Amino acid sequence: MNKRAIGTQYEYLAREYLIENGYTIIDKNYRCKLGEIDIIAMDNDYLCFIEVKYRLNSNKGHPAESITANKMLRITKTAQYYMMSNKYSTNIKCRFDVVAILADKIELIKNAFDAHY
């Protein structure tokens, strides 16, 4: 199985986990010229931009540790573009979450990082 197929499989698991935890999925694999966001969802009154990270084992650290400052910047800019192009109010509460999957354990990290500009 190639990396893309593996990523798709774990993004599906992440979406199911989020739904079980009360999130409403709005979009998946959102792409624009600025970058990609794995999952966009509502959690109560928060618009959440969610990055999914998977690792088979912890030899290279926890999956969430692989989200670099550059990746956070791309996600932030992509989220801003998404909100603008979909006419979201600037008053909506937003959050950047991470679903970290290590082997068969799923962990939801709410407010994993702040917006980067």
N, C-alpha and C. Protein backbone atom coordinates (compact mmCIF):
# COMPACT_ATOMS: atom_id res chain seq x y z
N MET A 1 0.85 -1.18 0.00
CA MET A 1 0.00 0.00 0.00
C MET A 1 0.90 1.24 0.00
N ASN A 2 0.62 2.22 -0.88
CA ASN A 2 1.45 3.43 -0.95
C ASN A 2 1.07 4.42 0.15
N LYS A 3 1.90 5.45 0.30
CA LYS A 3 1.69 6.43 1.39
C LYS A 3 0.35 7.14 1.28
N ARG A 4 -0.06 7.46 0.06
CA ARG A 4 -1.33 8.17 -0.13
C ARG A 4 -2.51 7.31 0.32
N ALA A 5 -2.47 6.03 -0.04
CA ALA A 5 -3.55 5.12 0.35
C ALA A 5 -3.58 4.94 1.87
N ILE A 6 -2.42 4.85 2.47
CA ILE A 6 -2.33 4.73 3.93
C ILE A 6 -2.90 5.99 4.58
N GLY A 7 -2.51 7.16 4.06
CA GLY A 7 -3.01 8.42 4.58
C GLY A 7 -4.52 8.51 4.49
N THR A 8 -5.08 8.10 3.36
CA THR A 8 -6.53 8.11 3.17
C THR A 8 -7.22 7.21 4.18
N GLN A 9 -6.65 6.05 4.43
CA GLN A 9 -7.21 5.10 5.39
C GLN A 9 -7.25 5.71 6.80
N TYR A 10 -6.16 6.35 7.21
CA TYR A 10 -6.10 6.90 8.56
C TYR A 10 -6.91 8.20 8.69
N GLU A 11 -7.05 8.94 7.62
CA GLU A 11 -7.93 10.12 7.65
C GLU A 11 -9.38 9.68 7.82
N TYR A 12 -9.75 8.57 7.20
CA TYR A 12 -11.10 8.02 7.38
C TYR A 12 -11.32 7.64 8.85
N LEU A 13 -10.35 6.94 9.44
CA LEU A 13 -10.44 6.56 10.86
C LEU A 13 -10.56 7.80 11.74
N ALA A 14 -9.80 8.84 11.42
CA ALA A 14 -9.84 10.08 12.19
C ALA A 14 -11.22 10.72 12.09
N ARG A 15 -11.80 10.76 10.90
CA ARG A 15 -13.14 11.33 10.74
C ARG A 15 -14.16 10.56 11.58
N GLU A 16 -14.10 9.24 11.55
CA GLU A 16 -15.03 8.42 12.33
C GLU A 16 -14.85 8.70 13.83
N TYR A 17 -13.61 8.83 14.27
CA TYR A 17 -13.32 9.13 15.67
C TYR A 17 -13.89 10.50 16.05
N LEU A 18 -13.70 11.48 15.18
CA LEU A 18 -14.22 12.83 15.46
C LEU A 18 -15.74 12.83 15.55
N ILE A 19 -16.40 12.13 14.65
CA ILE A 19 -17.86 12.04 14.67
C ILE A 19 -18.32 11.40 15.98
N GLU A 20 -17.64 10.33 16.40
CA GLU A 20 -17.98 9.67 17.67
C GLU A 20 -17.80 10.61 18.85
N ASN A 21 -16.94 11.61 18.69
CA ASN A 21 -16.67 12.56 19.77
C ASN A 21 -17.41 13.88 19.59
N GLY A 22 -18.47 13.87 18.77
CA GLY A 22 -19.37 15.00 18.68
C GLY A 22 -19.06 16.04 17.62
N TYR A 23 -18.05 15.83 16.81
CA TYR A 23 -17.73 16.78 15.74
C TYR A 23 -18.68 16.56 14.57
N THR A 24 -18.94 17.63 13.83
CA THR A 24 -19.68 17.56 12.57
C THR A 24 -18.70 17.87 11.45
N ILE A 25 -18.48 16.91 10.58
CA ILE A 25 -17.52 17.08 9.49
C ILE A 25 -18.13 18.00 8.43
N ILE A 26 -17.36 19.02 8.05
CA ILE A 26 -17.80 19.97 7.02
C ILE A 26 -17.11 19.67 5.70
N ASP A 27 -15.82 19.37 5.76
CA ASP A 27 -15.05 19.14 4.54
C ASP A 27 -13.87 18.24 4.87
N LYS A 28 -13.34 17.61 3.84
CA LYS A 28 -12.15 16.77 4.01
C LYS A 28 -11.21 17.01 2.84
N ASN A 29 -9.94 16.90 3.11
CA ASN A 29 -8.90 17.10 2.09
C ASN A 29 -9.12 18.40 1.31
N TYR A 30 -9.37 19.47 2.04
CA TYR A 30 -9.56 20.77 1.41
C TYR A 30 -8.22 21.26 0.87
N ARG A 31 -8.19 21.60 -0.41
CA ARG A 31 -6.96 22.06 -1.05
C ARG A 31 -7.19 23.38 -1.74
N CYS A 32 -6.18 24.23 -1.67
CA CYS A 32 -6.16 25.47 -2.44
C CYS A 32 -4.69 25.75 -2.76
N LYS A 33 -4.43 26.87 -3.39
CA LYS A 33 -3.07 27.19 -3.80
C LYS A 33 -2.12 27.36 -2.60
N LEU A 34 -2.67 27.57 -1.41
CA LEU A 34 -1.85 27.82 -0.22
C LEU A 34 -1.48 26.55 0.54
N GLY A 35 -2.28 25.49 0.37
CA GLY A 35 -1.99 24.27 1.10
C GLY A 35 -3.20 23.36 1.20
N GLU A 36 -3.14 22.46 2.16
CA GLU A 36 -4.20 21.47 2.35
C GLU A 36 -4.54 21.37 3.84
N ILE A 37 -5.81 21.12 4.11
CA ILE A 37 -6.26 20.82 5.46
C ILE A 37 -6.97 19.47 5.39
N ASP A 38 -6.56 18.55 6.26
CA ASP A 38 -7.09 17.20 6.21
C ASP A 38 -8.59 17.15 6.47
N ILE A 39 -9.02 17.80 7.57
CA ILE A 39 -10.43 17.76 7.96
C ILE A 39 -10.84 19.14 8.48
N ILE A 40 -12.01 19.58 8.07
CA ILE A 40 -12.61 20.80 8.62
C ILE A 40 -13.92 20.37 9.25
N ALA A 41 -14.12 20.77 10.52
CA ALA A 41 -15.30 20.30 11.25
C ALA A 41 -15.75 21.34 12.27
N MET A 42 -16.97 21.16 12.74
CA MET A 42 -17.49 21.98 13.84
C MET A 42 -17.46 21.13 15.10
N ASP A 43 -17.00 21.73 16.19
CA ASP A 43 -17.06 21.13 17.51
C ASP A 43 -17.76 22.15 18.39
N ASN A 44 -19.03 21.92 18.64
CA ASN A 44 -19.89 22.90 19.29
C ASN A 44 -19.85 24.18 18.47
N ASP A 45 -19.37 25.29 19.03
CA ASP A 45 -19.36 26.54 18.27
C ASP A 45 -17.97 26.89 17.73
N TYR A 46 -17.08 25.91 17.67
CA TYR A 46 -15.74 26.12 17.12
C TYR A 46 -15.64 25.54 15.72
N LEU A 47 -15.08 26.33 14.81
CA LEU A 47 -14.71 25.84 13.49
C LEU A 47 -13.30 25.28 13.64
N CYS A 48 -13.14 23.99 13.40
CA CYS A 48 -11.87 23.32 13.66
C CYS A 48 -11.19 22.90 12.36
N PHE A 49 -9.91 23.22 12.28
CA PHE A 49 -9.07 22.81 11.17
C PHE A 49 -8.16 21.73 11.74
N ILE A 50 -8.28 20.52 11.19
CA ILE A 50 -7.70 19.35 11.83
C ILE A 50 -6.66 18.70 10.93
N GLU A 51 -5.49 18.51 11.50
CA GLU A 51 -4.40 17.80 10.83
C GLU A 51 -4.36 16.38 11.38
N VAL A 52 -4.24 15.40 10.49
CA VAL A 52 -4.15 14.00 10.88
C VAL A 52 -2.72 13.53 10.67
N LYS A 53 -2.14 12.95 11.71
CA LYS A 53 -0.77 12.43 11.61
C LYS A 53 -0.76 10.99 12.11
N TYR A 54 -0.12 10.12 11.35
CA TYR A 54 -0.04 8.69 11.69
C TYR A 54 1.41 8.25 11.71
N ARG A 55 1.73 7.42 12.67
CA ARG A 55 3.01 6.72 12.70
C ARG A 55 2.77 5.29 13.18
N LEU A 56 3.49 4.38 12.59
CA LEU A 56 3.38 2.96 12.95
C LEU A 56 3.91 2.71 14.35
N ASN A 57 5.00 3.42 14.70
CA ASN A 57 5.59 3.27 16.04
C ASN A 57 6.20 4.61 16.44
N SER A 58 6.75 4.65 17.64
CA SER A 58 7.29 5.91 18.16
C SER A 58 8.79 6.05 17.95
N ASN A 59 9.38 5.27 17.06
CA ASN A 59 10.82 5.35 16.80
C ASN A 59 11.26 6.76 16.41
N LYS A 60 10.41 7.47 15.71
CA LYS A 60 10.73 8.84 15.28
C LYS A 60 9.93 9.87 16.07
N GLY A 61 9.40 9.48 17.23
CA GLY A 61 8.65 10.39 18.08
C GLY A 61 7.15 10.27 17.88
N HIS A 62 6.44 11.07 18.63
CA HIS A 62 4.98 11.10 18.58
C HIS A 62 4.54 11.71 17.25
N PRO A 63 3.45 11.23 16.68
CA PRO A 63 2.99 11.77 15.38
C PRO A 63 2.82 13.29 15.37
N ALA A 64 2.28 13.85 16.44
CA ALA A 64 2.03 15.30 16.48
C ALA A 64 3.33 16.10 16.42
N GLU A 65 4.43 15.50 16.83
CA GLU A 65 5.72 16.20 16.80
C GLU A 65 6.21 16.47 15.38
N SER A 66 5.61 15.81 14.41
CA SER A 66 6.04 15.99 13.02
C SER A 66 5.42 17.22 12.36
N ILE A 67 4.59 17.95 13.09
CA ILE A 67 3.98 19.16 12.53
C ILE A 67 4.93 20.32 12.80
N THR A 68 5.59 20.75 11.76
CA THR A 68 6.60 21.80 11.86
C THR A 68 5.96 23.19 11.87
N ALA A 69 6.78 24.18 12.20
CA ALA A 69 6.31 25.57 12.16
C ALA A 69 5.86 25.95 10.76
N ASN A 70 6.57 25.48 9.74
CA ASN A 70 6.18 25.75 8.35
C ASN A 70 4.82 25.13 8.03
N LYS A 71 4.59 23.91 8.52
CA LYS A 71 3.31 23.24 8.29
C LYS A 71 2.18 24.02 8.99
N MET A 72 2.44 24.48 10.22
CA MET A 72 1.45 25.27 10.94
C MET A 72 1.12 26.56 10.19
N LEU A 73 2.13 27.18 9.61
CA LEU A 73 1.93 28.41 8.83
C LEU A 73 1.06 28.12 7.61
N ARG A 74 1.35 27.04 6.89
CA ARG A 74 0.55 26.67 5.71
C ARG A 74 -0.90 26.37 6.10
N ILE A 75 -1.08 25.65 7.20
CA ILE A 75 -2.43 25.33 7.66
C ILE A 75 -3.18 26.61 8.02
N THR A 76 -2.52 27.52 8.73
CA THR A 76 -3.13 28.78 9.13
C THR A 76 -3.57 29.58 7.92
N LYS A 77 -2.68 29.74 6.95
CA LYS A 77 -3.00 30.52 5.75
C LYS A 77 -4.13 29.85 4.95
N THR A 78 -4.10 28.53 4.87
CA THR A 78 -5.14 27.79 4.17
C THR A 78 -6.48 27.95 4.89
N ALA A 79 -6.46 27.93 6.21
CA ALA A 79 -7.68 28.12 7.00
C ALA A 79 -8.25 29.52 6.77
N GLN A 80 -7.40 30.52 6.74
CA GLN A 80 -7.86 31.89 6.48
C GLN A 80 -8.51 31.98 5.10
N TYR A 81 -7.88 31.38 4.11
CA TYR A 81 -8.42 31.39 2.75
C TYR A 81 -9.77 30.67 2.71
N TYR A 82 -9.86 29.52 3.39
CA TYR A 82 -11.10 28.76 3.44
C TYR A 82 -12.22 29.62 4.03
N MET A 83 -11.92 30.27 5.15
CA MET A 83 -12.94 31.10 5.82
C MET A 83 -13.38 32.26 4.93
N MET A 84 -12.43 32.90 4.27
CA MET A 84 -12.75 34.02 3.40
C MET A 84 -13.58 33.55 2.20
N SER A 85 -13.15 32.48 1.56
CA SER A 85 -13.85 32.03 0.35
C SER A 85 -15.21 31.42 0.65
N ASN A 86 -15.43 30.98 1.90
CA ASN A 86 -16.72 30.43 2.29
C ASN A 86 -17.54 31.40 3.14
N LYS A 87 -17.07 32.65 3.17
CA LYS A 87 -17.79 33.75 3.80
C LYS A 87 -18.14 33.52 5.28
N TYR A 88 -17.19 32.95 6.02
CA TYR A 88 -17.37 32.81 7.47
C TYR A 88 -17.15 34.17 8.13
N SER A 89 -17.89 34.43 9.17
CA SER A 89 -17.72 35.67 9.93
C SER A 89 -16.35 35.69 10.59
N THR A 90 -15.77 36.87 10.69
CA THR A 90 -14.47 36.99 11.36
C THR A 90 -14.63 36.80 12.87
N ASN A 91 -15.87 36.75 13.34
CA ASN A 91 -16.13 36.55 14.77
C ASN A 91 -16.24 35.08 15.17
N ILE A 92 -16.22 34.17 14.20
CA ILE A 92 -16.37 32.75 14.53
C ILE A 92 -15.13 32.28 15.30
N LYS A 93 -15.37 31.44 16.28
CA LYS A 93 -14.27 30.88 17.06
C LYS A 93 -13.64 29.75 16.24
N CYS A 94 -12.32 29.79 16.13
CA CYS A 94 -11.59 28.77 15.36
C CYS A 94 -10.57 28.08 16.26
N ARG A 95 -10.22 26.89 15.82
CA ARG A 95 -9.24 26.12 16.59
C ARG A 95 -8.49 25.20 15.63
N PHE A 96 -7.24 24.93 15.97
CA PHE A 96 -6.42 24.00 15.20
C PHE A 96 -6.19 22.76 16.05
N ASP A 97 -6.79 21.66 15.62
CA ASP A 97 -6.70 20.40 16.35
C ASP A 97 -5.82 19.42 15.57
N VAL A 98 -5.36 18.39 16.28
CA VAL A 98 -4.58 17.33 15.66
C VAL A 98 -5.17 15.99 16.10
N VAL A 99 -5.33 15.09 15.15
CA VAL A 99 -5.63 13.70 15.47
C VAL A 99 -4.34 12.94 15.22
N ALA A 100 -3.76 12.46 16.31
CA ALA A 100 -2.50 11.72 16.24
C ALA A 100 -2.81 10.23 16.39
N ILE A 101 -2.36 9.45 15.41
CA ILE A 101 -2.59 8.01 15.44
C ILE A 101 -1.23 7.33 15.53
N LEU A 102 -1.02 6.63 16.63
CA LEU A 102 0.22 5.90 16.86
C LEU A 102 -0.14 4.43 16.96
N ALA A 103 0.27 3.68 15.93
CA ALA A 103 -0.11 2.28 15.78
C ALA A 103 -1.64 2.21 15.75
N ASP A 104 -2.28 1.66 16.79
CA ASP A 104 -3.74 1.58 16.79
C ASP A 104 -4.39 2.48 17.83
N LYS A 105 -3.61 3.41 18.40
CA LYS A 105 -4.14 4.34 19.41
C LYS A 105 -4.40 5.70 18.78
N ILE A 106 -5.62 6.21 18.96
CA ILE A 106 -6.00 7.51 18.41
C ILE A 106 -6.07 8.51 19.56
N GLU A 107 -5.44 9.67 19.35
CA GLU A 107 -5.45 10.73 20.35
C GLU A 107 -5.89 12.03 19.68
N LEU A 108 -6.86 12.69 20.29
CA LEU A 108 -7.34 13.98 19.81
C LEU A 108 -6.70 15.07 20.65
N ILE A 109 -5.99 15.98 20.00
CA ILE A 109 -5.35 17.09 20.69
C ILE A 109 -6.07 18.36 20.26
N LYS A 110 -6.95 18.85 21.14
CA LYS A 110 -7.69 20.07 20.84
C LYS A 110 -6.79 21.27 21.07
N ASN A 111 -6.93 22.28 20.19
CA ASN A 111 -6.13 23.50 20.28
C ASN A 111 -4.64 23.15 20.32
N ALA A 112 -4.23 22.30 19.40
CA ALA A 112 -2.86 21.79 19.37
C ALA A 112 -1.82 22.88 19.10
N PHE A 113 -2.22 23.89 18.33
CA PHE A 113 -1.32 25.02 18.08
C PHE A 113 -2.14 26.26 17.78
N ASP A 114 -1.50 27.41 17.99
CA ASP A 114 -2.13 28.69 17.69
C ASP A 114 -1.89 29.03 16.23
N ALA A 115 -2.69 29.95 15.72
CA ALA A 115 -2.53 30.42 14.35
C ALA A 115 -1.14 31.04 14.19
N HIS A 116 -0.50 30.77 13.07
CA HIS A 116 0.81 31.33 12.74
C HIS A 116 0.66 32.28 11.57
N TYR A 117 1.30 33.43 11.65
CA TYR A 117 1.20 34.42 10.57
C TYR A 117 2.56 34.76 10.04
